[in-house]
Amino acid sequence: TSLRVHEYYDRAMRDAGTLRFVIGSDVKGPMGPDLVPVDPSRV
């Protein structure tokens, strides 16, 4: 019913619907390119 992820800057677990996801940045996840969850005010 929902997804929770860590926001990039504050590392707090948040509802993914409140965040934006950045693709194609220089920030890589543990397995390489990933979606980076970012608060809309910090995009």
PDB file of all heavy atoms in Angstrom:
ATOM      1  N   THR A   1       0.823  -1.208   0.000  1.00  0.00           N
ATOM      2  CA  THR A   1       0.000   0.000   0.000  1.00  0.00           C
ATOM      3  C   THR A   1       0.858   1.260   0.000  1.00  0.00           C
ATOM      4  O   THR A   1       0.381   2.320  -0.374  1.00  0.00           O
ATOM      5  CB  THR A   1      -0.923   0.025   1.233  1.00  0.00           C
ATOM      6  OG1 THR A   1      -0.122  -0.073   2.419  1.00  0.00           O
ATOM      7  CG2 THR A   1      -1.917  -1.128   1.189  1.00  0.00           C
ATOM      8  N   SER A   2       2.122   1.128   0.426  1.00  0.00           N
ATOM      9  CA  SER A   2       2.994   2.300   0.419  1.00  0.00           C
ATOM     10  C   SER A   2       4.460   1.884   0.382  1.00  0.00           C
ATOM     11  O   SER A   2       4.807   0.739   0.652  1.00  0.00           O
ATOM     12  CB  SER A   2       2.737   3.189   1.639  1.00  0.00           C
ATOM     13  OG  SER A   2       3.086   2.512   2.832  1.00  0.00           O
ATOM     14  N   LEU A   3       5.276   2.872   0.044  1.00  0.00           N
ATOM     15  CA  LEU A   3       6.724   2.700  -0.032  1.00  0.00           C
ATOM     16  C   LEU A   3       7.364   3.741   0.868  1.00  0.00           C
ATOM     17  O   LEU A   3       6.964   4.906   0.857  1.00  0.00           O
ATOM     18  CB  LEU A   3       7.199   2.896  -1.478  1.00  0.00           C
ATOM     19  CG  LEU A   3       8.705   3.025  -1.718  1.00  0.00           C
ATOM     20  CD1 LEU A   3       9.436   1.734  -1.382  1.00  0.00           C
ATOM     21  CD2 LEU A   3       8.971   3.420  -3.169  1.00  0.00           C
ATOM     22  N   ARG A   4       8.363   3.314   1.647  1.00  0.00           N
ATOM     23  CA  ARG A   4       9.137   4.238   2.478  1.00  0.00           C
ATOM     24  C   ARG A   4      10.599   4.141   2.070  1.00  0.00           C
ATOM     25  O   ARG A   4      11.117   3.044   1.847  1.00  0.00           O
ATOM     26  CB  ARG A   4       8.979   3.907   3.961  1.00  0.00           C
ATOM     27  CG  ARG A   4       7.574   4.093   4.465  1.00  0.00           C
ATOM     28  CD  ARG A   4       7.476   3.959   5.955  1.00  0.00           C
ATOM     29  NE  ARG A   4       7.950   2.663   6.405  1.00  0.00           N
ATOM     30  CZ  ARG A   4       7.389   1.964   7.381  1.00  0.00           C
ATOM     31  NH1 ARG A   4       6.330   2.425   8.000  1.00  0.00           N
ATOM     32  NH2 ARG A   4       7.888   0.800   7.748  1.00  0.00           N
ATOM     33  N   VAL A   5      11.240   5.298   1.967  1.00  0.00           N
ATOM     34  CA  VAL A   5      12.653   5.365   1.577  1.00  0.00           C
ATOM     35  C   VAL A   5      13.350   6.419   2.429  1.00  0.00           C
ATOM     36  O   VAL A   5      12.704   7.266   3.036  1.00  0.00           O
ATOM     37  CB  VAL A   5      12.818   5.716   0.076  1.00  0.00           C
ATOM     38  CG1 VAL A   5      12.277   4.617  -0.817  1.00  0.00           C
ATOM     39  CG2 VAL A   5      12.156   7.042  -0.246  1.00  0.00           C
ATOM     40  N   HIS A   6      14.676   6.380   2.422  1.00  0.00           N
ATOM     41  CA  HIS A   6      15.449   7.414   3.111  1.00  0.00           C
ATOM     42  C   HIS A   6      15.629   8.615   2.189  1.00  0.00           C
ATOM     43  O   HIS A   6      16.098   8.450   1.056  1.00  0.00           O
ATOM     44  CB  HIS A   6      16.836   6.895   3.505  1.00  0.00           C
ATOM     45  CG  HIS A   6      16.823   6.014   4.704  1.00  0.00           C
ATOM     46  ND1 HIS A   6      16.995   4.665   4.633  1.00  0.00           N
ATOM     47  CD2 HIS A   6      16.636   6.306   6.011  1.00  0.00           C
ATOM     48  CE1 HIS A   6      16.942   4.153   5.843  1.00  0.00           C
ATOM     49  NE2 HIS A   6      16.718   5.121   6.696  1.00  0.00           N
ATOM     50  N   GLU A   7      15.295   9.780   2.679  1.00  0.00           N
ATOM     51  CA  GLU A   7      15.530  11.017   1.924  1.00  0.00           C
ATOM     52  C   GLU A   7      17.038  11.250   1.888  1.00  0.00           C
ATOM     53  O   GLU A   7      17.732  11.032   2.880  1.00  0.00           O
ATOM     54  CB  GLU A   7      14.800  12.189   2.583  1.00  0.00           C
ATOM     55  CG  GLU A   7      14.669  13.408   1.704  1.00  0.00           C
ATOM     56  CD  GLU A   7      15.858  14.364   1.737  1.00  0.00           C
ATOM     57  OE1 GLU A   7      16.614  14.344   2.731  1.00  0.00           O
ATOM     58  OE2 GLU A   7      16.038  15.109   0.776  1.00  0.00           O
ATOM     59  N   TYR A   8      17.552  11.698   0.743  1.00  0.00           N
ATOM     60  CA  TYR A   8      18.999  11.814   0.523  1.00  0.00           C
ATOM     61  C   TYR A   8      19.700  12.694   1.550  1.00  0.00           C
ATOM     62  O   TYR A   8      20.744  12.309   2.080  1.00  0.00           O
ATOM     63  CB  TYR A   8      19.270  12.341  -0.894  1.00  0.00           C
ATOM     64  CG  TYR A   8      20.737  12.527  -1.171  1.00  0.00           C
ATOM     65  CD1 TYR A   8      21.544  11.434  -1.459  1.00  0.00           C
ATOM     66  CD2 TYR A   8      21.319  13.788  -1.122  1.00  0.00           C
ATOM     67  CE1 TYR A   8      22.890  11.586  -1.703  1.00  0.00           C
ATOM     68  CE2 TYR A   8      22.671  13.953  -1.366  1.00  0.00           C
ATOM     69  CZ  TYR A   8      23.459  12.851  -1.648  1.00  0.00           C
ATOM     70  OH  TYR A   8      24.797  13.002  -1.879  1.00  0.00           O
ATOM     71  N   TYR A   9      19.166  13.870   1.841  1.00  0.00           N
ATOM     72  CA  TYR A   9      19.881  14.817   2.688  1.00  0.00           C
ATOM     73  C   TYR A   9      19.757  14.522   4.182  1.00  0.00           C
ATOM     74  O   TYR A   9      20.761  14.522   4.896  1.00  0.00           O
ATOM     75  CB  TYR A   9      19.431  16.254   2.399  1.00  0.00           C
ATOM     76  CG  TYR A   9      19.991  16.760   1.096  1.00  0.00           C
ATOM     77  CD1 TYR A   9      19.190  16.813  -0.031  1.00  0.00           C
ATOM     78  CD2 TYR A   9      21.306  17.155   0.981  1.00  0.00           C
ATOM     79  CE1 TYR A   9      19.691  17.269  -1.247  1.00  0.00           C
ATOM     80  CE2 TYR A   9      21.827  17.603  -0.224  1.00  0.00           C
ATOM     81  CZ  TYR A   9      21.009  17.659  -1.337  1.00  0.00           C
ATOM     82  OH  TYR A   9      21.524  18.097  -2.526  1.00  0.00           O
ATOM     83  N   ASP A  10      18.566  14.275   4.680  1.00  0.00           N
ATOM     84  CA  ASP A  10      18.437  14.081   6.130  1.00  0.00           C
ATOM     85  C   ASP A  10      18.438  12.616   6.555  1.00  0.00           C
ATOM     86  O   ASP A  10      18.455  12.308   7.731  1.00  0.00           O
ATOM     87  CB  ASP A  10      17.213  14.808   6.683  1.00  0.00           C
ATOM     88  CG  ASP A  10      15.889  14.241   6.203  1.00  0.00           C
ATOM     89  OD1 ASP A  10      15.848  13.121   5.673  1.00  0.00           O
ATOM     90  OD2 ASP A  10      14.871  14.943   6.373  1.00  0.00           O
ATOM     91  N   ARG A  11      18.418  11.713   5.579  1.00  0.00           N
ATOM     92  CA  ARG A  11      18.475  10.268   5.819  1.00  0.00           C
ATOM     93  C   ARG A  11      17.303   9.742   6.658  1.00  0.00           C
ATOM     94  O   ARG A  11      17.340   8.634   7.158  1.00  0.00           O
ATOM     95  CB  ARG A  11      19.788   9.846   6.487  1.00  0.00           C
ATOM     96  CG  ARG A  11      21.026  10.230   5.732  1.00  0.00           C
ATOM     97  CD  ARG A  11      21.125   9.463   4.439  1.00  0.00           C
ATOM     98  NE  ARG A  11      22.442   9.673   3.849  1.00  0.00           N
ATOM     99  CZ  ARG A  11      22.666   9.751   2.564  1.00  0.00           C
ATOM    100  NH1 ARG A  11      21.678   9.617   1.722  1.00  0.00           N
ATOM    101  NH2 ARG A  11      23.868   9.951   2.094  1.00  0.00           N
ATOM    102  N   ALA A  12      16.260  10.538   6.780  1.00  0.00           N
ATOM    103  CA  ALA A  12      15.072  10.104   7.518  1.00  0.00           C
ATOM    104  C   ALA A  12      14.209   9.225   6.616  1.00  0.00           C
ATOM    105  O   ALA A  12      14.079   9.486   5.421  1.00  0.00           O
ATOM    106  CB  ALA A  12      14.273  11.315   7.990  1.00  0.00           C
ATOM    107  N   MET A  13      13.624   8.186   7.198  1.00  0.00           N
ATOM    108  CA  MET A  13      12.720   7.311   6.453  1.00  0.00           C
ATOM    109  C   MET A  13      11.409   8.070   6.260  1.00  0.00           C
ATOM    110  O   MET A  13      10.814   8.552   7.218  1.00  0.00           O
ATOM    111  CB  MET A  13      12.488   6.022   7.233  1.00  0.00           C
ATOM    112  CG  MET A  13      11.700   4.986   6.486  1.00  0.00           C
ATOM    113  SD  MET A  13      12.520   4.318   5.025  1.00  0.00           S
ATOM    114  CE  MET A  13      13.522   3.033   5.734  1.00  0.00           C
ATOM    115  N   ARG A  14      10.992   8.185   4.991  1.00  0.00           N
ATOM    116  CA  ARG A  14       9.781   8.945   4.671  1.00  0.00           C
ATOM    117  C   ARG A  14       8.915   8.203   3.673  1.00  0.00           C
ATOM    118  O   ARG A  14       9.381   7.335   2.940  1.00  0.00           O
ATOM    119  CB  ARG A  14      10.153  10.288   4.051  1.00  0.00           C
ATOM    120  CG  ARG A  14      10.956  11.166   4.955  1.00  0.00           C
ATOM    121  CD  ARG A  14      10.683  12.595   4.610  1.00  0.00           C
ATOM    122  NE  ARG A  14      11.797  13.445   4.971  1.00  0.00           N
ATOM    123  CZ  ARG A  14      12.017  14.621   4.429  1.00  0.00           C
ATOM    124  NH1 ARG A  14      11.227  15.078   3.492  1.00  0.00           N
ATOM    125  NH2 ARG A  14      13.025  15.352   4.826  1.00  0.00           N
ATOM    126  N   ASP A  15       7.661   8.603   3.624  1.00  0.00           N
ATOM    127  CA  ASP A  15       6.750   8.078   2.613  1.00  0.00           C
ATOM    128  C   ASP A  15       7.230   8.561   1.253  1.00  0.00           C
ATOM    129  O   ASP A  15       7.448   9.760   1.049  1.00  0.00           O
ATOM    130  CB  ASP A  15       5.328   8.563   2.889  1.00  0.00           C
ATOM    131  CG  ASP A  15       4.356   8.001   1.881  1.00  0.00           C
ATOM    132  OD1 ASP A  15       3.835   6.909   2.107  1.00  0.00           O
ATOM    133  OD2 ASP A  15       4.149   8.673   0.839  1.00  0.00           O
ATOM    134  N   ALA A  16       7.403   7.635   0.326  1.00  0.00           N
ATOM    135  CA  ALA A  16       7.955   7.972  -0.992  1.00  0.00           C
ATOM    136  C   ALA A  16       7.062   8.930  -1.781  1.00  0.00           C
ATOM    137  O   ALA A  16       7.553   9.669  -2.636  1.00  0.00           O
ATOM    138  CB  ALA A  16       8.196   6.708  -1.795  1.00  0.00           C
ATOM    139  N   GLY A  17       5.774   8.939  -1.497  1.00  0.00           N
ATOM    140  CA  GLY A  17       4.871   9.837  -2.204  1.00  0.00           C
ATOM    141  C   GLY A  17       5.118  11.304  -1.911  1.00  0.00           C
ATOM    142  O   GLY A  17       4.678  12.171  -2.664  1.00  0.00           O
ATOM    143  N   THR A  18       5.838  11.598  -0.843  1.00  0.00           N
ATOM    144  CA  THR A  18       6.132  12.994  -0.486  1.00  0.00           C
ATOM    145  C   THR A  18       7.461  13.467  -1.057  1.00  0.00           C
ATOM    146  O   THR A  18       7.834  14.618  -0.869  1.00  0.00           O
ATOM    147  CB  THR A  18       6.166  13.168   1.043  1.00  0.00           C
ATOM    148  OG1 THR A  18       7.272  12.432   1.586  1.00  0.00           O
ATOM    149  CG2 THR A  18       4.866  12.711   1.685  1.00  0.00           C
ATOM    150  N   LEU A  19       8.175  12.579  -1.723  1.00  0.00           N
ATOM    151  CA  LEU A  19       9.509  12.896  -2.237  1.00  0.00           C
ATOM    152  C   LEU A  19       9.524  12.902  -3.755  1.00  0.00           C
ATOM    153  O   LEU A  19       8.576  12.485  -4.404  1.00  0.00           O
ATOM    154  CB  LEU A  19      10.515  11.863  -1.722  1.00  0.00           C
ATOM    155  CG  LEU A  19      10.624  11.733  -0.210  1.00  0.00           C
ATOM    156  CD1 LEU A  19      11.515  10.558   0.162  1.00  0.00           C
ATOM    157  CD2 LEU A  19      11.150  13.022   0.403  1.00  0.00           C
ATOM    158  N   ARG A  20      10.624  13.378  -4.330  1.00  0.00           N
ATOM    159  CA  ARG A  20      10.872  13.299  -5.761  1.00  0.00           C
ATOM    160  C   ARG A  20      12.062  12.365  -5.950  1.00  0.00           C
ATOM    161  O   ARG A  20      12.894  12.217  -5.069  1.00  0.00           O
ATOM    162  CB  ARG A  20      11.200  14.674  -6.369  1.00  0.00           C
ATOM    163  CG  ARG A  20      10.124  15.716  -6.184  1.00  0.00           C
ATOM    164  CD  ARG A  20       8.805  15.292  -6.832  1.00  0.00           C
ATOM    165  NE  ARG A  20       7.724  16.190  -6.495  1.00  0.00           N
ATOM    166  CZ  ARG A  20       6.870  16.020  -5.497  1.00  0.00           C
ATOM    167  NH1 ARG A  20       6.965  14.971  -4.716  1.00  0.00           N
ATOM    168  NH2 ARG A  20       5.908  16.870  -5.254  1.00  0.00           N
ATOM    169  N   PHE A  21      12.149  11.751  -7.119  1.00  0.00           N
ATOM    170  CA  PHE A  21      13.206  10.788  -7.396  1.00  0.00           C
ATOM    171  C   PHE A  21      14.043  11.287  -8.562  1.00  0.00           C
ATOM    172  O   PHE A  21      13.526  11.514  -9.651  1.00  0.00           O
ATOM    173  CB  PHE A  21      12.607   9.412  -7.699  1.00  0.00           C
ATOM    174  CG  PHE A  21      11.951   8.804  -6.499  1.00  0.00           C
ATOM    175  CD1 PHE A  21      10.650   9.131  -6.155  1.00  0.00           C
ATOM    176  CD2 PHE A  21      12.655   7.933  -5.683  1.00  0.00           C
ATOM    177  CE1 PHE A  21      10.049   8.595  -5.032  1.00  0.00           C
ATOM    178  CE2 PHE A  21      12.070   7.397  -4.552  1.00  0.00           C
ATOM    179  CZ  PHE A  21      10.761   7.720  -4.231  1.00  0.00           C
ATOM    180  N   VAL A  22      15.338  11.438  -8.309  1.00  0.00           N
ATOM    181  CA  VAL A  22      16.260  11.949  -9.328  1.00  0.00           C
ATOM    182  C   VAL A  22      16.935  10.763 -10.011  1.00  0.00           C
ATOM    183  O   VAL A  22      17.413   9.832  -9.365  1.00  0.00           O
ATOM    184  CB  VAL A  22      17.307  12.888  -8.712  1.00  0.00           C
ATOM    185  CG1 VAL A  22      18.266  13.397  -9.791  1.00  0.00           C
ATOM    186  CG2 VAL A  22      16.632  14.054  -7.995  1.00  0.00           C
ATOM    187  N   ILE A  23      16.960  10.832 -11.323  1.00  0.00           N
ATOM    188  CA  ILE A  23      17.585   9.808 -12.154  1.00  0.00           C
ATOM    189  C   ILE A  23      18.771  10.425 -12.882  1.00  0.00           C
ATOM    190  O   ILE A  23      18.711  11.572 -13.319  1.00  0.00           O
ATOM    191  CB  ILE A  23      16.574   9.256 -13.188  1.00  0.00           C
ATOM    192  CG1 ILE A  23      15.453   8.526 -12.463  1.00  0.00           C
ATOM    193  CG2 ILE A  23      17.252   8.343 -14.199  1.00  0.00           C
ATOM    194  CD1 ILE A  23      14.347   8.055 -13.385  1.00  0.00           C
ATOM    195  N   GLY A  24      19.836   9.649 -13.032  1.00  0.00           N
ATOM    196  CA  GLY A  24      20.973  10.067 -13.854  1.00  0.00           C
ATOM    197  C   GLY A  24      21.945  11.002 -13.171  1.00  0.00           C
ATOM    198  O   GLY A  24      22.670  11.724 -13.845  1.00  0.00           O
ATOM    199  N   SER A  25      22.010  10.975 -11.854  1.00  0.00           N
ATOM    200  CA  SER A  25      22.966  11.838 -11.159  1.00  0.00           C
ATOM    201  C   SER A  25      24.287  11.096 -10.953  1.00  0.00           C
ATOM    202  O   SER A  25      24.415   9.919 -11.294  1.00  0.00           O
ATOM    203  CB  SER A  25      22.399  12.267  -9.799  1.00  0.00           C
ATOM    204  OG  SER A  25      22.422  11.181  -8.895  1.00  0.00           O
ATOM    205  N   ASP A  26      25.247  11.793 -10.345  1.00  0.00           N
ATOM    206  CA  ASP A  26      26.526  11.150 -10.040  1.00  0.00           C
ATOM    207  C   ASP A  26      26.470  10.387  -8.714  1.00  0.00           C
ATOM    208  O   ASP A  26      27.451   9.779  -8.306  1.00  0.00           O
ATOM    209  CB  ASP A  26      27.664  12.171 -10.041  1.00  0.00           C
ATOM    210  CG  ASP A  26      27.479  13.269  -9.009  1.00  0.00           C
ATOM    211  OD1 ASP A  26      26.501  13.233  -8.222  1.00  0.00           O
ATOM    212  OD2 ASP A  26      28.315  14.187  -8.977  1.00  0.00           O
ATOM    213  N   VAL A  27      25.328  10.377  -8.048  1.00  0.00           N
ATOM    214  CA  VAL A  27      25.151   9.615  -6.808  1.00  0.00           C
ATOM    215  C   VAL A  27      24.727   8.199  -7.192  1.00  0.00           C
ATOM    216  O   VAL A  27      23.722   8.018  -7.881  1.00  0.00           O
ATOM    217  CB  VAL A  27      24.092  10.266  -5.900  1.00  0.00           C
ATOM    218  CG1 VAL A  27      23.835   9.407  -4.664  1.00  0.00           C
ATOM    219  CG2 VAL A  27      24.522  11.665  -5.490  1.00  0.00           C
ATOM    220  N   LYS A  28      25.501   7.227  -6.762  1.00  0.00           N
ATOM    221  CA  LYS A  28      25.226   5.829  -7.103  1.00  0.00           C
ATOM    222  C   LYS A  28      24.792   5.065  -5.859  1.00  0.00           C
ATOM    223  O   LYS A  28      25.275   5.302  -4.760  1.00  0.00           O
ATOM    224  CB  LYS A  28      26.469   5.148  -7.702  1.00  0.00           C
ATOM    225  CG  LYS A  28      27.032   5.867  -8.904  1.00  0.00           C
ATOM    226  CD  LYS A  28      26.056   5.870 -10.061  1.00  0.00           C
ATOM    227  CE  LYS A  28      26.654   6.580 -11.259  1.00  0.00           C
ATOM    228  NZ  LYS A  28      25.696   7.271 -12.067  1.00  0.00           N
ATOM    229  N   GLY A  29      23.900   4.107  -6.058  1.00  0.00           N
ATOM    230  CA  GLY A  29      23.460   3.241  -4.985  1.00  0.00           C
ATOM    231  C   GLY A  29      24.414   2.074  -4.820  1.00  0.00           C
ATOM    232  O   GLY A  29      25.419   1.976  -5.534  1.00  0.00           O
ATOM    233  N   PRO A  30      24.114   1.155  -3.925  1.00  0.00           N
ATOM    234  CA  PRO A  30      24.988   0.004  -3.689  1.00  0.00           C
ATOM    235  C   PRO A  30      25.188  -0.883  -4.923  1.00  0.00           C
ATOM    236  O   PRO A  30      26.178  -1.589  -5.025  1.00  0.00           O
ATOM    237  CB  PRO A  30      24.269  -0.788  -2.601  1.00  0.00           C
ATOM    238  CG  PRO A  30      23.269   0.119  -2.025  1.00  0.00           C
ATOM    239  CD  PRO A  30      22.968   1.163  -3.032  1.00  0.00           C
ATOM    240  N   MET A  31      24.237  -0.816  -5.853  1.00  0.00           N
ATOM    241  CA  MET A  31      24.339  -1.647  -7.060  1.00  0.00           C
ATOM    242  C   MET A  31      24.510  -0.801  -8.322  1.00  0.00           C
ATOM    243  O   MET A  31      24.273  -1.266  -9.428  1.00  0.00           O
ATOM    244  CB  MET A  31      23.096  -2.528  -7.180  1.00  0.00           C
ATOM    245  CG  MET A  31      23.001  -3.540  -6.054  1.00  0.00           C
ATOM    246  SD  MET A  31      21.507  -4.517  -6.039  1.00  0.00           S
ATOM    247  CE  MET A  31      21.357  -5.052  -7.705  1.00  0.00           C
ATOM    248  N   GLY A  32      24.890   0.449  -8.149  1.00  0.00           N
ATOM    249  CA  GLY A  32      25.094   1.318  -9.302  1.00  0.00           C
ATOM    250  C   GLY A  32      24.005   2.365  -9.426  1.00  0.00           C
ATOM    251  O   GLY A  32      23.485   2.850  -8.416  1.00  0.00           O
ATOM    252  N   PRO A  33      23.633   2.729 -10.657  1.00  0.00           N
ATOM    253  CA  PRO A  33      22.619   3.767 -10.855  1.00  0.00           C
ATOM    254  C   PRO A  33      21.315   3.427 -10.133  1.00  0.00           C
ATOM    255  O   PRO A  33      20.871   2.280 -10.154  1.00  0.00           O
ATOM    256  CB  PRO A  33      22.408   3.783 -12.364  1.00  0.00           C
ATOM    257  CG  PRO A  33      23.656   3.196 -12.928  1.00  0.00           C
ATOM    258  CD  PRO A  33      24.113   2.185 -11.915  1.00  0.00           C
ATOM    259  N   ASP A  34      20.749   4.425  -9.489  1.00  0.00           N
ATOM    260  CA  ASP A  34      19.509   4.204  -8.752  1.00  0.00           C
ATOM    261  C   ASP A  34      18.712   5.488  -8.740  1.00  0.00           C
ATOM    262  O   ASP A  34      19.164   6.531  -9.205  1.00  0.00           O
ATOM    263  CB  ASP A  34      19.809   3.755  -7.318  1.00  0.00           C
ATOM    264  CG  ASP A  34      18.727   2.852  -6.750  1.00  0.00           C
ATOM    265  OD1 ASP A  34      17.525   3.165  -6.919  1.00  0.00           O
ATOM    266  OD2 ASP A  34      19.072   1.820  -6.151  1.00  0.00           O
ATOM    267  N   LEU A  35      17.519   5.387  -8.215  1.00  0.00           N
ATOM    268  CA  LEU A  35      16.659   6.547  -8.009  1.00  0.00           C
ATOM    269  C   LEU A  35      17.066   7.180  -6.681  1.00  0.00           C
ATOM    270  O   LEU A  35      17.138   6.472  -5.665  1.00  0.00           O
ATOM    271  CB  LEU A  35      15.205   6.099  -7.917  1.00  0.00           C
ATOM    272  CG  LEU A  35      14.697   5.334  -9.132  1.00  0.00           C
ATOM    273  CD1 LEU A  35      13.618   4.353  -8.725  1.00  0.00           C
ATOM    274  CD2 LEU A  35      14.164   6.313 -10.132  1.00  0.00           C
ATOM    275  N   VAL A  36      17.328   8.459  -6.680  1.00  0.00           N
ATOM    276  CA  VAL A  36      17.741   9.131  -5.446  1.00  0.00           C
ATOM    277  C   VAL A  36      16.545   9.907  -4.897  1.00  0.00           C
ATOM    278  O   VAL A  36      16.087  10.864  -5.522  1.00  0.00           O
ATOM    279  CB  VAL A  36      18.934  10.074  -5.686  1.00  0.00           C
ATOM    280  CG1 VAL A  36      19.382  10.708  -4.369  1.00  0.00           C
ATOM    281  CG2 VAL A  36      20.091   9.336  -6.349  1.00  0.00           C
ATOM    282  N   PRO A  37      16.015   9.506  -3.727  1.00  0.00           N
ATOM    283  CA  PRO A  37      14.872  10.196  -3.133  1.00  0.00           C
ATOM    284  C   PRO A  37      15.294  11.524  -2.511  1.00  0.00           C
ATOM    285  O   PRO A  37      16.190  11.568  -1.668  1.00  0.00           O
ATOM    286  CB  PRO A  37      14.398   9.228  -2.036  1.00  0.00           C
ATOM    287  CG  PRO A  37      15.169   7.971  -2.218  1.00  0.00           C
ATOM    288  CD  PRO A  37      16.395   8.309  -2.986  1.00  0.00           C
ATOM    289  N   VAL A  38      14.646  12.595  -2.956  1.00  0.00           N
ATOM    290  CA  VAL A  38      15.007  13.937  -2.491  1.00  0.00           C
ATOM    291  C   VAL A  38      13.739  14.700  -2.132  1.00  0.00           C
ATOM    292  O   VAL A  38      12.737  14.630  -2.846  1.00  0.00           O
ATOM    293  CB  VAL A  38      15.799  14.705  -3.587  1.00  0.00           C
ATOM    294  CG1 VAL A  38      16.197  16.083  -3.114  1.00  0.00           C
ATOM    295  CG2 VAL A  38      17.029  13.912  -4.008  1.00  0.00           C
ATOM    296  N   ASP A  39      13.808  15.445  -1.035  1.00  0.00           N
ATOM    297  CA  ASP A  39      12.701  16.309  -0.640  1.00  0.00           C
ATOM    298  C   ASP A  39      12.478  17.346  -1.741  1.00  0.00           C
ATOM    299  O   ASP A  39      13.446  17.883  -2.286  1.00  0.00           O
ATOM    300  CB  ASP A  39      13.040  17.007   0.679  1.00  0.00           C
ATOM    301  CG  ASP A  39      11.882  17.793   1.216  1.00  0.00           C
ATOM    302  OD1 ASP A  39      11.711  18.966   0.782  1.00  0.00           O
ATOM    303  OD2 ASP A  39      11.145  17.262   2.060  1.00  0.00           O
ATOM    304  N   PRO A  40      11.225  17.638  -2.094  1.00  0.00           N
ATOM    305  CA  PRO A  40      10.954  18.607  -3.174  1.00  0.00           C
ATOM    306  C   PRO A  40      11.641  19.958  -2.975  1.00  0.00           C
ATOM    307  O   PRO A  40      12.068  20.586  -3.941  1.00  0.00           O
ATOM    308  CB  PRO A  40       9.436  18.757  -3.153  1.00  0.00           C
ATOM    309  CG  PRO A  40       8.935  17.503  -2.553  1.00  0.00           C
ATOM    310  CD  PRO A  40       9.985  17.058  -1.564  1.00  0.00           C
ATOM    311  N   SER A  41      11.789  20.385  -1.724  1.00  0.00           N
ATOM    312  CA  SER A  41      12.422  21.681  -1.471  1.00  0.00           C
ATOM    313  C   SER A  41      13.923  21.666  -1.746  1.00  0.00           C
ATOM    314  O   SER A  41      14.542  22.722  -1.827  1.00  0.00           O
ATOM    315  CB  SER A  41      12.172  22.116  -0.023  1.00  0.00           C
ATOM    316  OG  SER A  41      12.844  21.248   0.880  1.00  0.00           O
ATOM    317  N   ARG A  42      14.506  20.497  -1.900  1.00  0.00           N
ATOM    318  CA  ARG A  42      15.950  20.386  -2.115  1.00  0.00           C
ATOM    319  C   ARG A  42      16.323  19.855  -3.495  1.00  0.00           C
ATOM    320  O   ARG A  42      17.497  19.639  -3.784  1.00  0.00           O
ATOM    321  CB  ARG A  42      16.557  19.473  -1.052  1.00  0.00           C
ATOM    322  CG  ARG A  42      16.429  20.046   0.337  1.00  0.00           C
ATOM    323  CD  ARG A  42      16.990  19.090   1.343  1.00  0.00           C
ATOM    324  NE  ARG A  42      17.113  19.710   2.646  1.00  0.00           N
ATOM    325  CZ  ARG A  42      17.141  19.034   3.765  1.00  0.00           C
ATOM    326  NH1 ARG A  42      17.082  17.729   3.753  1.00  0.00           N
ATOM    327  NH2 ARG A  42      17.255  19.667   4.915  1.00  0.00           N
ATOM    328  N   VAL A  43      15.346  19.643  -4.343  1.00  0.00           N
ATOM    329  CA  VAL A  43      15.626  19.084  -5.670  1.00  0.00           C
ATOM    330  C   VAL A  43      16.553  19.986  -6.475  1.00  0.00           C
ATOM    331  O   VAL A  43      17.505  19.506  -7.103  1.00  0.00           O
ATOM    332  CB  VAL A  43      14.318  18.798  -6.442  1.00  0.00           C
ATOM    333  CG1 VAL A  43      14.593  18.509  -7.904  1.00  0.00           C
ATOM    334  CG2 VAL A  43      13.575  17.631  -5.810  1.00  0.00           C
TER     335      VAL A  43
END
